[in-house]
Protein backbone atom coordinates (compact mmCIF):
# COMPACT_ATOMS: atom_id res chain seq x y z
CA MET A 1 0.10 -0.13 0.02
CA ARG A 2 1.45 3.37 -0.95
CA LYS A 3 2.07 6.00 1.90
CA PRO A 4 0.63 9.45 1.69
CA VAL A 5 3.29 11.98 1.85
CA VAL A 6 4.48 15.55 0.73
CA LEU A 7 7.06 15.67 -2.02
CA ILE A 8 9.65 18.46 -2.03
CA THR A 9 11.88 19.01 -4.96
CA GLY A 10 15.04 20.90 -4.60
CA ALA A 11 14.86 20.25 -0.88
CA GLY A 12 18.48 20.99 -0.30
CA GLY A 13 18.01 24.71 -1.28
CA GLU A 14 17.50 27.72 1.00
CA ILE A 15 13.87 27.57 0.80
CA GLY A 16 13.91 23.80 1.26
CA HIS A 17 15.71 23.52 4.54
CA GLY A 18 13.22 25.63 6.19
CA LEU A 19 10.48 23.86 4.59
CA VAL A 20 11.75 20.35 5.46
CA THR A 21 12.15 21.46 9.15
CA ARG A 22 8.79 23.23 9.25
CA LEU A 23 6.82 20.40 7.72
CA ALA A 24 8.63 17.74 9.73
CA GLY A 25 7.74 19.56 12.84
CA SER A 26 4.06 19.45 12.10
CA GLY A 27 4.15 15.63 11.66
CA SER A 28 3.96 15.56 7.75
CA LEU A 29 5.77 12.76 6.00
CA ILE A 30 8.06 14.02 3.52
CA ILE A 31 10.07 12.78 0.56
CA THR A 32 12.42 14.82 -1.24
CA LEU A 33 14.18 14.96 -4.65
CA ASP A 34 17.43 16.81 -5.30
CA VAL A 35 20.38 16.43 -7.54
CA SER A 36 22.52 16.45 -4.48
CA PRO A 37 22.21 14.55 -1.23
CA LEU A 38 20.57 16.22 1.64
CA ASP A 39 22.51 17.70 4.61
CA ALA A 40 22.97 15.48 7.64
CA SER A 41 20.89 17.86 9.53
CA LEU A 42 17.95 17.19 7.17
CA ALA A 43 18.24 13.58 6.15
CA PRO A 44 16.67 12.17 9.44
CA LEU A 45 13.51 14.45 9.12
CA VAL A 46 12.55 12.96 5.91
CA THR A 47 10.92 9.50 5.00
CA ARG A 48 12.77 8.79 1.69
CA GLU A 49 15.36 10.63 -0.04
CA PHE A 50 15.79 10.42 -3.78
CA VAL A 51 18.81 11.70 -5.36
CA GLY A 52 18.36 12.73 -8.98
CA SER A 53 16.79 15.19 -11.35
CA ILE A 54 13.16 16.25 -12.26
CA THR A 55 14.07 15.56 -15.74
CA ASP A 56 14.45 11.74 -15.00
CA LEU A 57 10.91 10.27 -16.09
CA ALA A 58 11.84 6.94 -14.91
CA LEU A 59 12.66 8.13 -11.38
CA LEU A 60 9.34 10.07 -11.22
CA GLU A 61 7.53 6.81 -12.23
CA ARG A 62 9.18 5.04 -9.25
CA VAL A 63 8.04 7.75 -6.73
CA LEU A 64 4.77 7.53 -8.38
CA ALA A 65 4.72 3.70 -7.73
CA GLU A 66 5.72 3.91 -4.20
CA PHE A 67 4.13 6.79 -2.60
CA GLU A 68 0.92 8.76 -2.65
CA VAL A 69 1.60 12.35 -2.82
CA ASP A 70 -0.91 14.95 -1.42
CA ARG A 71 1.25 17.92 -1.78
CA VAL A 72 4.09 18.71 -4.16
CA PHE A 73 6.51 21.81 -3.34
CA HIS A 74 8.34 22.34 -6.59
CA LEU A 75 11.56 24.24 -5.51
CA ALA A 76 13.92 22.65 -8.02
CA ALA A 77 15.49 25.24 -10.65
CA LEU A 78 18.01 26.50 -12.46
CA LEU A 79 18.64 30.03 -11.11
CA SER A 80 19.27 33.13 -12.84
CA THR A 81 23.15 33.43 -13.51
CA ARG A 82 23.42 30.06 -14.83
CA SER A 83 20.29 30.29 -16.77
CA GLU A 84 21.77 33.15 -18.68
CA PHE A 85 24.87 31.27 -19.56
CA THR A 86 23.05 28.02 -20.46
CA PRO A 87 19.57 29.14 -21.84
CA VAL A 88 18.81 25.53 -23.37
CA THR A 89 19.65 23.89 -20.23
CA ALA A 90 17.71 26.36 -18.19
CA HIS A 91 14.62 25.47 -20.34
CA HIS A 92 15.08 21.79 -20.06
CA VAL A 93 15.19 22.05 -16.35
CA ASN A 94 13.12 24.80 -15.41
CA VAL A 95 10.45 24.20 -18.13
CA GLU A 96 10.37 20.84 -19.13
CA GLY A 97 11.14 19.59 -15.29
CA THR A 98 8.26 21.56 -14.24
CA LEU A 99 6.09 19.92 -17.03
CA ASN A 100 7.12 16.44 -15.94
CA LEU A 101 6.20 17.24 -12.25
CA LEU A 102 2.64 18.90 -13.42
CA GLU A 103 2.01 15.57 -15.12
CA PHE A 104 3.34 13.64 -12.10
CA ALA A 105 0.77 15.47 -10.05
CA GLN A 106 -2.13 14.89 -12.36
CA HIS A 107 -1.13 11.23 -12.27
CA GLN A 108 -1.21 11.03 -8.57
CA GLY A 109 -4.41 12.98 -8.30
CA GLU A 110 -5.93 10.62 -11.10
CA SER A 111 -4.69 7.45 -8.81
CA HIS A 112 -6.26 8.71 -5.46
CA GLY A 113 -9.17 10.58 -6.66
CA ARG A 114 -8.58 13.98 -5.29
CA PRO A 115 -6.58 16.95 -6.50
CA VAL A 116 -2.87 17.22 -5.72
CA THR A 117 -1.89 20.66 -4.35
CA PHE A 118 0.99 21.90 -6.22
CA VAL A 119 2.96 24.75 -4.77
CA TYR A 120 5.33 26.76 -7.33
CA PRO A 121 7.70 29.46 -6.11
CA SER A 122 7.93 31.83 -9.17
CA SER A 123 9.91 34.94 -9.36
CA ILE A 124 9.51 38.63 -9.83
CA ALA A 125 12.01 38.12 -12.68
CA ALA A 126 8.55 37.40 -14.72
CA TYR A 127 8.29 41.01 -14.80
CA GLY A 128 10.01 43.20 -17.45
CA LEU A 129 9.74 46.84 -16.79
CA PRO A 130 11.98 48.44 -19.48
CA ASP A 131 13.93 51.12 -17.54
CA LEU A 132 14.29 52.80 -14.10
CA GLU A 133 11.97 55.68 -15.27
CA THR A 134 9.27 53.35 -15.93
CA LYS A 135 9.81 51.37 -12.57
CA MET A 136 9.53 54.65 -10.58
CA ARG A 137 6.46 55.72 -12.35
CA ALA A 138 4.75 52.31 -12.22
CA SER A 139 5.09 51.92 -8.16
CA ALA A 140 3.15 48.71 -7.35
CA VAL A 141 1.92 46.86 -10.32
CA THR A 142 -0.49 43.95 -10.76
CA GLU A 143 0.66 40.35 -11.62
CA ASP A 144 -0.61 40.77 -15.23
CA GLN A 145 1.39 44.03 -15.90
CA TYR A 146 4.74 44.29 -17.37
CA ALA A 147 4.64 40.50 -18.15
CA HIS A 148 7.73 40.93 -20.44
CA PRO A 149 10.72 39.15 -18.79
CA THR A 150 14.38 40.19 -20.20
CA THR A 151 16.12 36.99 -18.69
CA MET A 152 15.92 33.50 -19.53
CA TYR A 153 15.08 32.49 -15.91
CA GLY A 154 12.17 35.14 -15.99
CA CYS A 155 10.87 33.60 -19.31
CA ASN A 156 10.82 29.97 -17.83
CA LYS A 157 9.03 31.21 -14.67
CA LEU A 158 6.20 33.02 -16.48
CA TYR A 159 5.76 30.06 -18.92
CA CYS A 160 5.62 27.51 -16.04
CA GLU A 161 3.03 29.84 -14.17
CA GLN A 162 0.88 29.46 -17.51
CA LEU A 163 1.39 25.67 -17.67
CA GLY A 164 0.16 25.31 -13.89
CA HIS A 165 -2.77 27.52 -14.87
CA TYR A 166 -3.29 25.23 -17.68
CA TYR A 167 -3.18 22.04 -15.63
CA ALA A 168 -5.55 23.43 -13.02
CA ARG A 169 -8.18 24.86 -15.17
CA HIS A 170 -7.98 23.74 -18.77
CA TYR A 171 -6.37 20.21 -18.64
CA LYS A 172 -7.37 18.16 -21.70
CA GLN A 173 -10.27 20.57 -22.17
CA LEU A 174 -11.46 18.77 -25.45
CA SER A 175 -11.50 15.42 -23.85
CA ALA A 176 -14.96 14.30 -22.61
CA ASP A 177 -13.73 12.55 -19.55
CA ALA A 178 -10.54 14.30 -18.41
CA ILE A 179 -10.66 15.90 -14.74
CA ALA A 180 -8.00 18.35 -13.81
CA ARG A 181 -6.36 16.96 -10.71
CA VAL A 182 -3.56 19.76 -10.09
CA ASP A 183 -4.47 22.52 -7.32
CA PHE A 184 -1.96 24.67 -8.62
CA ARG A 185 -0.66 27.76 -6.30
CA CYS A 186 1.97 30.26 -7.25
CA VAL A 187 3.64 33.29 -5.63
CA ARG A 188 6.37 35.59 -7.05
CA PHE A 189 9.26 35.64 -4.68
CA PRO A 190 12.02 38.59 -4.93
CA GLY A 191 15.62 37.49 -4.41
CA LEU A 192 15.72 35.25 -1.19
CA ILE A 193 18.60 34.91 1.08
CA SER A 194 18.31 32.52 3.91
CA ALA A 195 19.93 33.32 7.25
CA MET A 196 20.54 29.32 7.95
CA THR A 197 22.17 28.32 4.85
CA LEU A 198 24.62 29.51 2.25
CA PRO A 199 23.08 30.44 -1.26
CA SER A 200 22.95 28.05 -3.71
CA GLY A 201 22.99 30.50 -6.73
CA ILE A 202 22.84 34.21 -7.32
CA ASP A 203 19.79 35.84 -8.76
CA ILE A 204 20.96 38.58 -11.07
CA THR A 205 17.31 40.10 -11.26
CA THR A 206 17.02 41.09 -7.72
CA PRO A 207 20.07 42.14 -5.99
CA PRO A 208 19.59 42.17 -2.02
CA CYS A 209 19.43 45.44 -0.14
CA GLY A 210 20.47 43.97 3.07
CA LEU A 211 20.80 40.96 5.32
CA CYS A 212 18.54 39.93 8.14
CA ALA A 213 19.90 37.18 10.14
CA ARG A 214 17.68 35.18 12.35
CA GLN A 215 15.23 37.99 12.48
CA PRO A 216 11.24 37.73 12.82
CA SER A 217 9.46 38.11 9.75
CA ARG A 218 5.70 38.53 8.53
CA THR A 219 4.14 36.30 5.81
CA LEU A 220 2.17 38.68 3.47
CA VAL A 221 -0.05 36.09 1.79
CA CYS A 222 -3.78 35.97 1.82
CA PRO A 223 -5.10 33.16 4.25
CA SER A 224 -7.24 31.79 1.61
CA ALA A 225 -4.20 31.07 -0.60
CA VAL A 226 -2.87 28.28 1.87
CA THR A 227 -5.98 26.54 2.85
C-alpha cells in the first residue's frame, strides 16, 4: 500500500531547508528529490530521499509507484545567472522539469481521486519593466502588468505559471472525461537569502539591499491562498 506523503523537489536549497524542518515539525511525512544528497541535519527528518533530476521520468515513475503524494512543493530550478549562460539547459530543467512534475501531480491525483496541491515559487523576474524611469512611475504593479521578462529565468518562470494555470483549469479541455487533478498555487518571490544556509545561486534580477540574520518576519499572503 502506498504511503501518503509530501514531495519537495530541490529540498537542499534555501527554501527547502526551512520547509523540510517546518513540515517535519508538524508531523508530515516527507519525501525529497534533489540532484545532491541532503545535509546531514535534514536527512533524518524525511521518510525517503531520492537523489536525481526532475528531468528523469523513470525516477518520477518510481516515486509514483511507491508513494501517494498529496502535496508537491516544486522548488528545484536552475537560477538566474546559470540560466543566462546556459539558456537551453535552463529551459530543459525549469520548463520541461516543471512540466514533468505537473504531469506527475495529475497522475497522482487521478490515482487517489482527489486534487494534488502543487506549490510553485515563481519570481519577480517574470516582470520586465524596460527602464528605471518606468519602474519609478509604475510603483506597485499587478501580476498581469509588464509581463515581458528579459532574462531566461524570468521567461521560464512566467511560462511555468501558465502551464500551472492550464493544468488546474483547462487540462485536456477537449476530452469528454478528463478531470483536472492539480490544485496549482504560485507566488512571485523577490531575491531570497536565508539566514540559515549558504546561497545555492545568485539571482541577478533582484540584488539584495540588506541581510537579516535570524530576525522575525511576517508572511504577506492571503489566508485563503494556503488553505
